[in-house]
């Protein structure tokens, strides 16, 4: 079943999570022959929907979390609604493009694929993408991030998380004319901003729930800040994507 792991930290998610590079959209959009309607599934705070709104007449943006949708920007041609990926109120053969960013690993895959096929029109493209573990290029700092990810909060990741780390290699994608691509997102972040980003991790939220509100990030903030140093440093996120024609 689809899982909601981000309602509690919706405001932090909207502020600290990365957006996606223009190169990704430049790769994706030429594959889509018609630009009438798009569905951004698991839209979160609507960052992908807002980009698609520049290219499509209408964008439907759905998410399990009403708290996440409340963070989304109001746009005249974007329609936000609470809905599961596996069951939507949309008519058959409705969309020209369906997108899912950093979320498909939470879905009931067979039911989601059935819904995609139902709402896809002839030639509709389905695109899914995500991003792996952040790196800084500083060995000591990257070792700290890996330890925090794997050991400190490692037991609190849902099993679904590991699909992201292997770039959805174990998640079926039974569609035609499949294309794959990789991109990189680079940001300049302070230690304070990076700590804010860590609070968006579902494992950090799960840790707090299972330890009477204990704050895993606060426990390591001093050490991270010391390793980070003063000012900002570059962080790098590896982005992977796949797209295919539904029918």
Protein backbone atom coordinates (compact mmCIF):
# COMPACT_ATOMS: atom_id res chain seq x y z
CA UNK A 1 0.00 0.00 0.00
CA UNK A 2 1.03 3.60 -0.46
CA UNK A 3 2.58 4.95 2.72
CA UNK A 4 2.46 8.49 4.06
CA UNK A 5 5.77 9.23 5.75
CA UNK A 6 5.94 13.00 5.21
CA UNK A 7 2.85 14.73 6.60
CA UNK A 8 4.47 15.45 9.96
CA UNK A 9 7.42 17.26 8.38
CA UNK A 10 5.57 18.86 5.44
CA UNK A 11 6.85 22.39 6.10
CA UNK A 12 10.46 21.22 6.38
CA UNK A 13 10.03 19.13 3.25
CA UNK A 14 8.86 22.14 1.27
CA UNK A 15 11.79 24.22 2.47
CA UNK A 16 14.73 21.83 2.51
CA UNK A 17 14.13 19.22 -0.19
CA UNK A 18 15.80 19.77 -3.55
CA UNK A 19 14.05 20.65 -6.77
CA UNK A 20 14.93 18.93 -10.02
CA UNK A 21 17.32 20.13 -12.74
CA UNK A 22 16.17 21.79 -15.94
CA UNK A 23 18.11 19.11 -17.81
CA UNK A 24 15.65 16.49 -16.57
CA UNK A 25 12.68 18.32 -18.07
CA UNK A 26 14.65 19.00 -21.25
CA UNK A 27 15.17 15.23 -21.55
CA UNK A 28 11.57 14.32 -20.68
CA UNK A 29 9.32 16.81 -22.45
CA UNK A 30 10.43 16.09 -26.04
CA UNK A 31 9.24 12.51 -25.48
CA UNK A 32 5.66 13.73 -24.88
CA UNK A 33 3.80 14.35 -28.17
CA UNK A 34 0.76 16.09 -26.66
CA UNK A 35 0.76 18.81 -23.99
CA UNK A 36 -2.88 19.01 -22.90
CA UNK A 37 -3.05 17.26 -19.51
CA UNK A 38 -0.46 15.96 -17.08
CA UNK A 39 -0.84 14.12 -13.78
CA UNK A 40 1.86 14.61 -11.17
CA UNK A 41 1.30 11.69 -8.82
CA UNK A 42 2.54 12.00 -5.21
CA UNK A 43 3.18 15.66 -5.90
CA UNK A 44 4.12 16.51 -2.31
CA UNK A 45 4.48 20.28 -2.19
CA UNK A 46 3.86 20.59 -5.92
CA UNK A 47 7.34 21.38 -7.14
CA UNK A 48 7.06 19.19 -10.26
CA UNK A 49 3.46 20.23 -10.90
CA UNK A 50 4.54 23.88 -10.91
CA UNK A 51 7.08 23.17 -13.65
CA UNK A 52 4.65 21.10 -15.72
CA UNK A 53 2.13 23.96 -15.49
CA UNK A 54 4.42 25.94 -17.78
CA UNK A 55 4.03 23.35 -20.56
CA UNK A 56 0.56 21.79 -20.17
CA UNK A 57 -2.90 23.29 -20.34
CA UNK A 58 -3.94 21.44 -17.18
CA UNK A 59 -2.03 19.65 -14.43
CA UNK A 60 -3.66 17.36 -11.88
CA UNK A 61 -1.49 16.98 -8.78
CA UNK A 62 -2.35 14.33 -6.19
CA UNK A 63 -0.87 13.25 -2.89
CA UNK A 64 -1.82 11.16 0.14
CA UNK A 65 -0.91 14.03 2.44
CA UNK A 66 -3.17 17.05 2.80
CA UNK A 67 -0.41 18.66 4.87
CA UNK A 68 1.98 18.39 1.94
CA UNK A 69 -0.58 19.81 -0.49
CA UNK A 70 -1.07 22.82 1.76
CA UNK A 71 2.56 23.75 1.03
CA UNK A 72 2.01 23.72 -2.74
CA UNK A 73 1.92 26.96 -4.76
CA UNK A 74 -1.52 27.99 -6.06
CA UNK A 75 -1.48 28.13 -9.86
CA UNK A 76 -4.44 28.71 -12.19
CA UNK A 77 -3.97 25.52 -14.21
CA UNK A 78 -2.89 23.16 -11.41
CA UNK A 79 -5.56 21.24 -9.50
CA UNK A 80 -4.47 19.71 -6.20
CA UNK A 81 -6.37 16.90 -4.52
CA UNK A 82 -5.84 14.18 -1.95
CA UNK A 83 -5.78 10.79 -3.66
CA UNK A 84 -3.88 7.53 -3.64
CA UNK A 85 -1.64 6.63 -6.54
CA UNK A 86 -3.55 3.37 -6.91
CA UNK A 87 -7.04 4.89 -6.98
CA UNK A 88 -7.92 8.27 -8.47
CA UNK A 89 -11.16 10.00 -9.49
CA UNK A 90 -9.93 10.69 -13.01
CA UNK A 91 -11.74 9.54 -16.17
CA UNK A 92 -10.25 6.87 -18.42
CA UNK A 93 -7.63 7.92 -20.98
CA UNK A 94 -7.23 11.34 -19.42
CA UNK A 95 -3.52 12.22 -19.50
CA UNK A 96 -0.65 12.81 -21.91
CA UNK A 97 2.06 12.63 -19.26
CA UNK A 98 2.21 11.02 -15.81
CA UNK A 99 5.08 11.86 -13.47
CA UNK A 100 6.20 10.48 -10.11
CA UNK A 101 9.19 12.04 -8.34
CA UNK A 102 10.90 10.29 -5.41
CA UNK A 103 7.76 8.34 -4.50
CA UNK A 104 7.05 5.27 -6.61
CA UNK A 105 8.88 3.04 -4.11
CA UNK A 106 6.03 3.70 -1.65
CA UNK A 107 3.30 2.41 -3.98
CA UNK A 108 1.43 -0.86 -4.38
CA UNK A 109 3.05 -1.40 -7.75
CA UNK A 110 0.51 -3.68 -9.51
CA UNK A 111 -2.41 -1.48 -8.47
CA UNK A 112 -0.54 1.67 -9.42
CA UNK A 113 0.33 0.28 -12.85
CA UNK A 114 -3.31 -0.68 -13.40
CA UNK A 115 -4.38 2.86 -12.56
CA UNK A 116 -1.72 4.34 -14.84
CA UNK A 117 -2.97 2.21 -17.74
CA UNK A 118 -6.55 3.22 -17.04
CA UNK A 119 -5.96 6.98 -17.08
CA UNK A 120 -3.34 7.00 -19.85
CA UNK A 121 -4.38 7.90 -23.36
CA UNK A 122 -2.73 6.68 -26.58
CA UNK A 123 0.93 7.61 -26.53
CA UNK A 124 0.95 8.70 -22.88
CA UNK A 125 4.40 8.81 -21.29
CA UNK A 126 5.03 7.69 -17.72
CA UNK A 127 8.15 9.16 -16.09
CA UNK A 128 9.55 8.19 -12.70
CA UNK A 129 12.63 9.58 -11.03
CA UNK A 130 14.40 9.87 -7.71
CA UNK A 131 17.70 10.75 -6.10
CA UNK A 132 20.21 8.89 -4.03
CA UNK A 133 22.28 9.72 -0.97
CA UNK A 134 23.78 13.20 -0.86
CA UNK A 135 27.56 13.63 -1.00
CA UNK A 136 29.92 16.52 -0.36
CA UNK A 137 33.20 15.28 -1.80
CA UNK A 138 34.84 15.60 1.64
CA UNK A 139 35.76 12.04 2.74
CA UNK A 140 35.28 12.56 6.47
CA UNK A 141 31.97 14.30 6.00
CA UNK A 142 30.68 11.76 3.49
CA UNK A 143 31.65 8.95 5.87
CA UNK A 144 29.67 10.73 8.61
CA UNK A 145 26.60 11.04 6.33
CA UNK A 146 26.82 7.37 5.39
CA UNK A 147 27.09 6.34 9.05
CA UNK A 148 24.11 8.48 10.03
CA UNK A 149 22.10 7.04 7.13
CA UNK A 150 23.07 3.39 7.61
CA UNK A 151 23.68 3.09 11.35
CA UNK A 152 22.16 5.91 13.40
CA UNK A 153 18.79 5.91 11.66
CA UNK A 154 19.39 2.87 9.46
CA UNK A 155 17.03 0.56 11.39
CA UNK A 156 14.24 3.12 11.04
CA UNK A 157 14.08 3.26 7.25
CA UNK A 158 11.12 1.47 5.72
CA UNK A 159 12.22 -1.38 3.47
CA UNK A 160 10.98 0.65 0.51
CA UNK A 161 13.92 3.04 0.94
CA UNK A 162 16.40 0.60 -0.55
CA UNK A 163 14.68 0.82 -3.92
CA UNK A 164 15.96 4.39 -4.12
CA UNK A 165 19.52 3.39 -3.36
CA UNK A 166 19.56 0.90 -6.23
CA UNK A 167 17.78 3.32 -8.58
CA UNK A 168 14.56 1.30 -8.84
CA UNK A 169 16.41 -1.66 -10.39
CA UNK A 170 14.06 -4.09 -8.58
CA UNK A 171 10.87 -2.18 -9.42
CA UNK A 172 9.24 -3.35 -12.62
CA UNK A 173 8.64 -0.86 -15.41
CA UNK A 174 6.64 -2.81 -18.01
CA UNK A 175 6.21 -0.11 -20.63
CA UNK A 176 7.35 0.54 -24.19
CA UNK A 177 10.29 2.50 -25.60
CA UNK A 178 11.90 2.90 -22.19
CA UNK A 179 14.54 5.59 -21.84
CA UNK A 180 16.80 6.15 -18.83
CA UNK A 181 18.93 9.08 -17.80
CA UNK A 182 21.01 10.42 -14.94
CA UNK A 183 21.48 13.97 -13.73
CA UNK A 184 23.16 15.81 -10.89
CA UNK A 185 21.77 18.46 -8.55
CA UNK A 186 24.35 20.73 -6.91
CA UNK A 187 23.56 23.07 -4.04
CA UNK A 188 25.51 25.34 -1.72
CA UNK A 189 24.38 24.58 1.83
CA UNK A 190 25.40 25.60 5.32
CA UNK A 191 25.55 23.09 8.17
CA UNK A 192 22.31 24.56 9.51
CA UNK A 193 20.56 23.99 6.18
CA UNK A 194 21.89 20.44 5.94
CA UNK A 195 20.55 19.66 9.39
CA UNK A 196 17.18 21.02 8.27
CA UNK A 197 17.32 18.64 5.32
CA UNK A 198 18.01 15.68 7.62
CA UNK A 199 14.77 16.42 9.44
CA UNK A 200 12.88 15.61 6.22
CA UNK A 201 14.11 12.00 6.23
CA UNK A 202 11.36 9.50 6.93
CA UNK A 203 13.79 7.47 9.07
CA UNK A 204 14.31 10.50 11.35
CA UNK A 205 10.54 10.82 11.76
CA UNK A 206 10.24 7.07 12.42
CA UNK A 207 13.04 7.29 15.00
CA UNK A 208 11.16 10.02 16.89
CA UNK A 209 7.92 8.05 16.79
CA UNK A 210 9.58 4.95 18.20
CA UNK A 211 11.57 6.79 20.89
CA UNK A 212 8.99 9.06 22.51
CA UNK A 213 9.87 12.06 20.37
CA UNK A 214 13.66 11.70 20.63
CA UNK A 215 15.50 13.90 18.14
CA UNK A 216 18.13 11.93 16.20
CA UNK A 217 19.35 15.04 14.38
CA UNK A 218 19.79 17.15 17.49
CA UNK A 219 21.92 14.39 18.99
CA UNK A 220 24.47 14.69 16.17
CA UNK A 221 24.14 18.37 15.27
CA UNK A 222 27.29 19.48 17.09
CA UNK A 223 29.45 16.84 15.45
CA UNK A 224 28.05 17.54 11.99
CA UNK A 225 28.56 21.29 12.41
CA UNK A 226 32.18 20.77 13.43
CA UNK A 227 32.89 18.57 10.42
CA UNK A 228 31.07 20.93 8.09
CA UNK A 229 33.00 24.02 9.08
CA UNK A 230 32.01 27.65 8.67
CA UNK A 231 30.01 28.91 5.73
CA UNK A 232 28.56 26.90 2.88
CA UNK A 233 29.86 23.91 0.98
CA UNK A 234 28.68 22.10 -2.12
CA UNK A 235 26.33 19.14 -1.77
CA UNK A 236 25.64 16.82 -4.68
CA UNK A 237 22.57 14.66 -5.26
CA UNK A 238 22.63 11.94 -7.96
CA UNK A 239 19.31 11.89 -9.84
CA UNK A 240 18.10 8.88 -11.85
CA UNK A 241 15.11 8.81 -14.21
CA UNK A 242 13.19 6.46 -16.48
CA UNK A 243 10.36 7.06 -18.92
CA UNK A 244 8.26 4.87 -21.16
CA UNK A 245 5.13 4.85 -23.29
CA UNK A 246 2.19 3.34 -21.40
CA UNK A 247 0.12 2.26 -24.41
